[in-house]
C-alpha atoms as a PDB file:
ATOM      1  CA  MET A   1      55.801 109.567 100.238  1.00  0.00           C
ATOM      2  CA  PRO A   2      58.304 111.609  98.257  1.00  0.00           C
ATOM      3  CA  LYS A   3      60.290 110.441  95.264  1.00  0.00           C
ATOM      4  CA  ALA A   4      64.052 109.993  95.618  1.00  0.00           C
ATOM      5  CA  SER A   5      64.515 113.148  93.509  1.00  0.00           C
ATOM      6  CA  GLU A   6      62.657 115.194  96.174  1.00  0.00           C
ATOM      7  CA  ILE A   7      64.889 114.133  99.080  1.00  0.00           C
ATOM      8  CA  LYS A   8      67.222 116.838 100.403  1.00  0.00           C
ATOM      9  CA  LYS A   9      70.228 116.825 102.718  1.00  0.00           C
ATOM     10  CA  ASN A  10      69.357 116.377 106.436  1.00  0.00           C
ATOM     11  CA  MET A  11      66.017 114.697 105.708  1.00  0.00           C
ATOM     12  CA  ALA A  12      65.235 111.489 107.592  1.00  0.00           C
ATOM     13  CA  ILE A  13      63.949 108.430 105.720  1.00  0.00           C
ATOM     14  CA  GLU A  14      62.858 104.922 106.684  1.00  0.00           C
ATOM     15  CA  PHE A  15      64.906 102.243 104.930  1.00  0.00           C
ATOM     16  CA  ASN A  16      65.023  98.508 105.717  1.00  0.00           C
ATOM     17  CA  GLY A  17      63.073  99.096 108.932  1.00  0.00           C
ATOM     18  CA  ASP A  18      65.515 101.681 110.314  1.00  0.00           C
ATOM     19  CA  ALA A  19      65.536 105.488 110.383  1.00  0.00           C
ATOM     20  CA  TYR A  20      68.400 107.139 108.471  1.00  0.00           C
ATOM     21  CA  ILE A  21      69.453 110.770 108.190  1.00  0.00           C
ATOM     22  CA  VAL A  22      70.631 111.750 104.680  1.00  0.00           C
ATOM     23  CA  ARG A  23      74.005 113.532 104.924  1.00  0.00           C
ATOM     24  CA  ASP A  24      75.049 113.744 101.262  1.00  0.00           C
ATOM     25  CA  ILE A  25      73.388 113.321  97.870  1.00  0.00           C
ATOM     26  CA  GLU A  26      75.035 112.879  94.473  1.00  0.00           C
ATOM     27  CA  ARG A  27      72.968 112.938  91.294  1.00  0.00           C
ATOM     28  CA  SER A  28      74.155 111.133  88.180  1.00  0.00           C
ATOM     29  CA  VAL A  29      72.614 110.685  84.761  1.00  0.00           C
ATOM     30  CA  PRO A  30      73.710 107.372  83.250  1.00  0.00           C
ATOM     31  CA  GLN A  31      74.521 107.542  79.538  1.00  0.00           C
ATOM     32  CA  GLY A  32      72.997 105.291  76.904  1.00  0.00           C
ATOM     33  CA  ARG A  33      70.082 103.868  78.792  1.00  0.00           C
ATOM     34  CA  ALA A  34      66.451 104.692  79.121  1.00  0.00           C
ATOM     35  CA  GLY A  35      65.312 106.110  82.427  1.00  0.00           C
ATOM     36  CA  GLY A  36      66.139 108.996  84.627  1.00  0.00           C
ATOM     37  CA  SER A  37      68.717 110.059  87.104  1.00  0.00           C
ATOM     38  CA  ILE A  38      70.270 107.997  89.849  1.00  0.00           C
ATOM     39  CA  TYR A  39      70.533 109.521  93.327  1.00  0.00           C
ATOM     40  CA  ARG A  40      73.350 108.122  95.462  1.00  0.00           C
ATOM     41  CA  MET A  41      72.726 108.946  99.101  1.00  0.00           C
ATOM     42  CA  ARG A  42      75.124 108.692 102.012  1.00  0.00           C
ATOM     43  CA  MET A  43      72.967 107.990 105.037  1.00  0.00           C
ATOM     44  CA  TYR A  44      73.658 107.392 108.719  1.00  0.00           C
ATOM     45  CA  SER A  45      71.505 105.266 111.001  1.00  0.00           C
ATOM     46  CA  VAL A  46      69.833 107.349 113.689  1.00  0.00           C
ATOM     47  CA  GLY A  47      70.357 104.737 116.410  1.00  0.00           C
ATOM     48  CA  THR A  48      73.833 103.359 115.668  1.00  0.00           C
ATOM     49  CA  ASN A  49      75.368 106.063 113.419  1.00  0.00           C
ATOM     50  CA  HIS A  50      76.188 103.247 110.960  1.00  0.00           C
ATOM     51  CA  LYS A  51      77.027 104.622 107.486  1.00  0.00           C
ATOM     52  CA  LEU A  52      75.103 103.357 104.463  1.00  0.00           C
ATOM     53  CA  ASP A  53      75.590 104.330 100.808  1.00  0.00           C
ATOM     54  CA  GLN A  54      72.492 103.565  98.762  1.00  0.00           C
ATOM     55  CA  SER A  55      71.427 104.407  95.206  1.00  0.00           C
ATOM     56  CA  PHE A  56      67.833 105.145  94.199  1.00  0.00           C
ATOM     57  CA  LYS A  57      66.176 105.812  90.838  1.00  0.00           C
ATOM     58  CA  ASP A  58      64.709 109.317  90.641  1.00  0.00           C
ATOM     59  CA  SER A  59      61.112 108.019  90.582  1.00  0.00           C
ATOM     60  CA  GLU A  60      61.578 105.512  93.426  1.00  0.00           C
ATOM     61  CA  MET A  61      59.215 106.250  96.325  1.00  0.00           C
ATOM     62  CA  LEU A  62      60.760 106.607  99.801  1.00  0.00           C
ATOM     63  CA  THR A  63      59.162 106.842 103.240  1.00  0.00           C
ATOM     64  CA  LEU A  64      60.011 109.803 105.421  1.00  0.00           C
ATOM     65  CA  ALA A  65      60.916 109.011 109.022  1.00  0.00           C
ATOM     66  CA  ASP A  66      59.009 110.730 111.794  1.00  0.00           C
ATOM     67  CA  LEU A  67      61.094 113.760 112.691  1.00  0.00           C
ATOM     68  CA  THR A  68      60.691 116.884 114.761  1.00  0.00           C
ATOM     69  CA  ARG A  69      62.340 120.244 114.207  1.00  0.00           C
ATOM     70  CA  ARG A  70      63.098 122.376 117.258  1.00  0.00           C
ATOM     71  CA  PRO A  71      64.397 125.976 117.141  1.00  0.00           C
ATOM     72  CA  VAL A  72      67.802 126.093 118.870  1.00  0.00           C
ATOM     73  CA  MET A  73      70.771 128.350 119.436  1.00  0.00           C
ATOM     74  CA  PHE A  74      74.436 127.432 119.844  1.00  0.00           C
ATOM     75  CA  SER A  75      75.298 127.282 123.532  1.00  0.00           C
ATOM     76  CA  TYR A  76      78.879 126.002 123.976  1.00  0.00           C
ATOM     77  CA  ALA A  77      81.504 123.512 122.836  1.00  0.00           C
ATOM     78  CA  ASP A  78      83.080 120.976 125.184  1.00  0.00           C
ATOM     79  CA  GLY A  79      85.878 119.143 123.389  1.00  0.00           C
ATOM     80  CA  ASN A  80      84.217 117.294 120.478  1.00  0.00           C
ATOM     81  CA  GLU A  81      80.703 117.829 121.873  1.00  0.00           C
ATOM     82  CA  TYR A  82      78.695 120.835 120.690  1.00  0.00           C
ATOM     83  CA  VAL A  83      75.694 121.769 122.803  1.00  0.00           C
ATOM     84  CA  PHE A  84      72.649 123.622 121.472  1.00  0.00           C
ATOM     85  CA  MET A  85      69.838 124.977 123.647  1.00  0.00           C
ATOM     86  CA  ASP A  86      66.151 124.735 122.701  1.00  0.00           C
ATOM     87  CA  ASN A  87      64.729 128.265 122.309  1.00  0.00           C
ATOM     88  CA  GLU A  88      61.330 127.246 123.725  1.00  0.00           C
ATOM     89  CA  ASP A  89      61.825 124.818 126.626  1.00  0.00           C
ATOM     90  CA  TYR A  90      65.569 125.435 127.257  1.00  0.00           C
ATOM     91  CA  SER A  91      66.480 121.742 127.029  1.00  0.00           C
ATOM     92  CA  SER A  92      69.890 120.988 125.543  1.00  0.00           C
ATOM     93  CA  TYR A  93      70.926 118.824 122.595  1.00  0.00           C
ATOM     94  CA  SER A  94      74.475 117.493 122.229  1.00  0.00           C
ATOM     95  CA  PHE A  95      76.083 116.744 118.881  1.00  0.00           C
ATOM     96  CA  ASN A  96      79.407 115.114 118.103  1.00  0.00           C
ATOM     97  CA  LYS A  97      81.649 117.444 116.062  1.00  0.00           C
ATOM     98  CA  GLU A  98      82.027 114.735 113.393  1.00  0.00           C
ATOM     99  CA  ASN A  99      78.256 114.682 112.718  1.00  0.00           C
ATOM    100  CA  ILE A 100      77.846 118.446 112.207  1.00  0.00           C
ATOM    101  CA  GLU A 101      81.282 119.426 110.837  1.00  0.00           C
ATOM    102  CA  ASP A 102      79.907 121.052 107.643  1.00  0.00           C
ATOM    103  CA  GLU A 103      77.255 123.004 109.560  1.00  0.00           C
ATOM    104  CA  LEU A 104      79.799 124.338 112.086  1.00  0.00           C
ATOM    105  CA  LEU A 105      81.363 126.470 109.321  1.00  0.00           C
ATOM    106  CA  PHE A 106      78.182 128.593 109.389  1.00  0.00           C
ATOM    107  CA  ILE A 107      77.523 128.700 113.154  1.00  0.00           C
ATOM    108  CA  ASP A 108      78.754 131.163 115.756  1.00  0.00           C
ATOM    109  CA  GLU A 109      77.251 132.412 119.050  1.00  0.00           C
ATOM    110  CA  GLU A 110      74.966 134.868 117.237  1.00  0.00           C
ATOM    111  CA  THR A 111      73.615 132.638 114.428  1.00  0.00           C
ATOM    112  CA  LYS A 112      69.816 132.780 114.319  1.00  0.00           C
ATOM    113  CA  GLY A 113      67.330 130.443 112.640  1.00  0.00           C
ATOM    114  CA  LEU A 114      69.011 127.140 113.582  1.00  0.00           C
ATOM    115  CA  GLN A 115      66.884 124.045 114.028  1.00  0.00           C
ATOM    116  CA  ALA A 116      67.743 120.726 115.665  1.00  0.00           C
ATOM    117  CA  ILE A 117      66.335 117.722 113.825  1.00  0.00           C
ATOM    118  CA  ILE A 118      65.057 115.128 116.301  1.00  0.00           C
ATOM    119  CA  VAL A 119      64.286 111.534 115.240  1.00  0.00           C
ATOM    120  CA  ASN A 120      63.037 109.002 117.803  1.00  0.00           C
ATOM    121  CA  ASP A 121      63.837 111.484 120.623  1.00  0.00           C
ATOM    122  CA  ALA A 122      67.496 111.659 119.528  1.00  0.00           C
ATOM    123  CA  PRO A 123      69.104 114.798 118.020  1.00  0.00           C
ATOM    124  CA  VAL A 124      70.543 113.796 114.635  1.00  0.00           C
ATOM    125  CA  ALA A 125      71.333 116.989 112.702  1.00  0.00           C
ATOM    126  CA  ILE A 126      71.351 120.781 112.650  1.00  0.00           C
ATOM    127  CA  ASP A 127      69.358 122.516 109.914  1.00  0.00           C
ATOM    128  CA  LEU A 128      70.737 125.889 108.851  1.00  0.00           C
ATOM    129  CA  PRO A 129      68.803 128.934 107.636  1.00  0.00           C
ATOM    130  CA  SER A 130      69.208 129.914 103.965  1.00  0.00           C
ATOM    131  CA  SER A 131      71.647 132.708 104.886  1.00  0.00           C
ATOM    132  CA  VAL A 132      73.781 133.548 107.920  1.00  0.00           C
ATOM    133  CA  GLU A 133      75.693 136.630 109.083  1.00  0.00           C
ATOM    134  CA  LEU A 134      79.356 136.122 109.993  1.00  0.00           C
ATOM    135  CA  VAL A 135      82.345 138.362 110.725  1.00  0.00           C
ATOM    136  CA  ILE A 136      85.498 138.409 108.573  1.00  0.00           C
ATOM    137  CA  ALA A 137      88.480 137.367 110.686  1.00  0.00           C
ATOM    138  CA  GLU A 138      91.170 137.767 108.043  1.00  0.00           C
ATOM    139  CA  THR A 139      91.423 139.211 104.524  1.00  0.00           C
ATOM    140  CA  GLU A 140      93.681 141.467 102.491  1.00  0.00           C
ATOM    141  CA  PRO A 141      93.246 145.219 103.099  1.00  0.00           C
ATOM    142  CA  SER A 142      90.352 146.817 101.244  1.00  0.00           C
ATOM    143  CA  LEU A 143      91.157 148.762  98.087  1.00  0.00           C
ATOM    144  CA  LYS A 144      89.943 152.278  97.375  1.00  0.00           C
ATOM    145  CA  GLY A 145      87.644 152.142  94.377  1.00  0.00           C
ATOM    146  CA  GLY A 146      87.421 148.373  94.758  1.00  0.00           C
ATOM    147  CA  SER A 147      83.633 148.545  94.748  1.00  0.00           C
ATOM    148  CA  ALA A 148      83.681 149.711  91.124  1.00  0.00           C
ATOM    149  CA  THR A 149      85.211 146.445  89.934  1.00  0.00           C
ATOM    150  CA  ALA A 150      83.887 142.906  90.066  1.00  0.00           C
ATOM    151  CA  ARG A 151      87.170 141.451  91.331  1.00  0.00           C
ATOM    152  CA  THR A 152      87.135 139.377  94.492  1.00  0.00           C
ATOM    153  CA  LYS A 153      89.579 138.256  97.174  1.00  0.00           C
ATOM    154  CA  PRO A 154      89.497 135.383  99.673  1.00  0.00           C
ATOM    155  CA  ALA A 155      88.265 136.098 103.198  1.00  0.00           C
ATOM    156  CA  THR A 156      88.483 133.779 106.207  1.00  0.00           C
ATOM    157  CA  LEU A 157      85.491 134.075 108.539  1.00  0.00           C
ATOM    158  CA  THR A 158      85.524 133.636 112.332  1.00  0.00           C
ATOM    159  CA  THR A 159      84.175 130.077 111.883  1.00  0.00           C
ATOM    160  CA  GLY A 160      87.019 129.054 109.536  1.00  0.00           C
ATOM    161  CA  LEU A 161      84.961 129.195 106.332  1.00  0.00           C
ATOM    162  CA  VAL A 162      86.766 130.811 103.378  1.00  0.00           C
ATOM    163  CA  VAL A 163      84.654 132.691 100.814  1.00  0.00           C
ATOM    164  CA  GLN A 164      85.358 135.111  97.973  1.00  0.00           C
ATOM    165  CA  VAL A 165      84.321 138.695  98.774  1.00  0.00           C
ATOM    166  CA  PRO A 166      84.456 141.962  96.777  1.00  0.00           C
ATOM    167  CA  GLU A 167      87.688 143.956  97.116  1.00  0.00           C
ATOM    168  CA  HIS A 168      86.045 146.771  99.127  1.00  0.00           C
ATOM    169  CA  ILE A 169      85.155 144.451 102.060  1.00  0.00           C
ATOM    170  CA  ALA A 170      87.547 144.764 105.032  1.00  0.00           C
ATOM    171  CA  GLN A 171      88.609 142.665 107.995  1.00  0.00           C
ATOM    172  CA  GLY A 172      86.051 142.914 110.838  1.00  0.00           C
ATOM    173  CA  ASP A 173      83.102 143.533 108.483  1.00  0.00           C
ATOM    174  CA  LYS A 174      79.946 141.491 109.056  1.00  0.00           C
ATOM    175  CA  ILE A 175      78.689 139.850 105.861  1.00  0.00           C
ATOM    176  CA  LYS A 176      75.772 137.685 104.748  1.00  0.00           C
ATOM    177  CA  ILE A 177      76.593 134.235 103.370  1.00  0.00           C
ATOM    178  CA  ASN A 178      74.288 132.116 101.200  1.00  0.00           C
ATOM    179  CA  VAL A 179      74.537 128.744 102.985  1.00  0.00           C
ATOM    180  CA  GLU A 180      73.608 126.480 100.069  1.00  0.00           C
ATOM    181  CA  GLU A 181      76.017 128.094  97.591  1.00  0.00           C
ATOM    182  CA  ARG A 182      78.678 128.931 100.238  1.00  0.00           C
ATOM    183  CA  LYS A 183      78.979 132.397  98.693  1.00  0.00           C
ATOM    184  CA  PHE A 184      79.032 136.030  99.787  1.00  0.00           C
ATOM    185  CA  SER A 185      75.591 137.677  99.414  1.00  0.00           C
ATOM    186  CA  SER A 186      75.953 141.164 100.855  1.00  0.00           C
ATOM    187  CA  ARG A 187      77.141 143.227 103.778  1.00  0.00           C
ATOM    188  CA  ALA A 188      75.101 142.625 106.915  1.00  0.00           C
END
């Protein structure tokens, strides 16, 4: 049983007899009172997709829901449904665009290391690797000698994500993105 402070995004917990997937976590440190941090979690019920905002003290013990992680790859999009195929048994998992909107910014046909999170035989989330490789769709032309300076410019990737890249990076280049920080890491 982990403490509330150990819970991360896309983890599944049991709360009030139901399984919830944690979509967002905000940490706050109240002023002028003894005690630790407060973790406000936005959770969605696995069965009904009902939203619940709940606050927990950092030392409060929570129960993890029984979840399975399956290696998957992006297969295709059909309207608002995004289908991922299991790398081992080739079964498919469908996700509503609304539920995985943040993750879609880091996913294209070639993204490796994706995992589908399954709770009670239902796919509830996509877990991303720590870094992904994406292609720059649009950016200003590269500057000669730009690699000698630390200046950056915005670049729009093929998935729609906008990140700051060094001036010497050009349109069409494949780059590595740190998923957690949403930042450029290196050329791929």
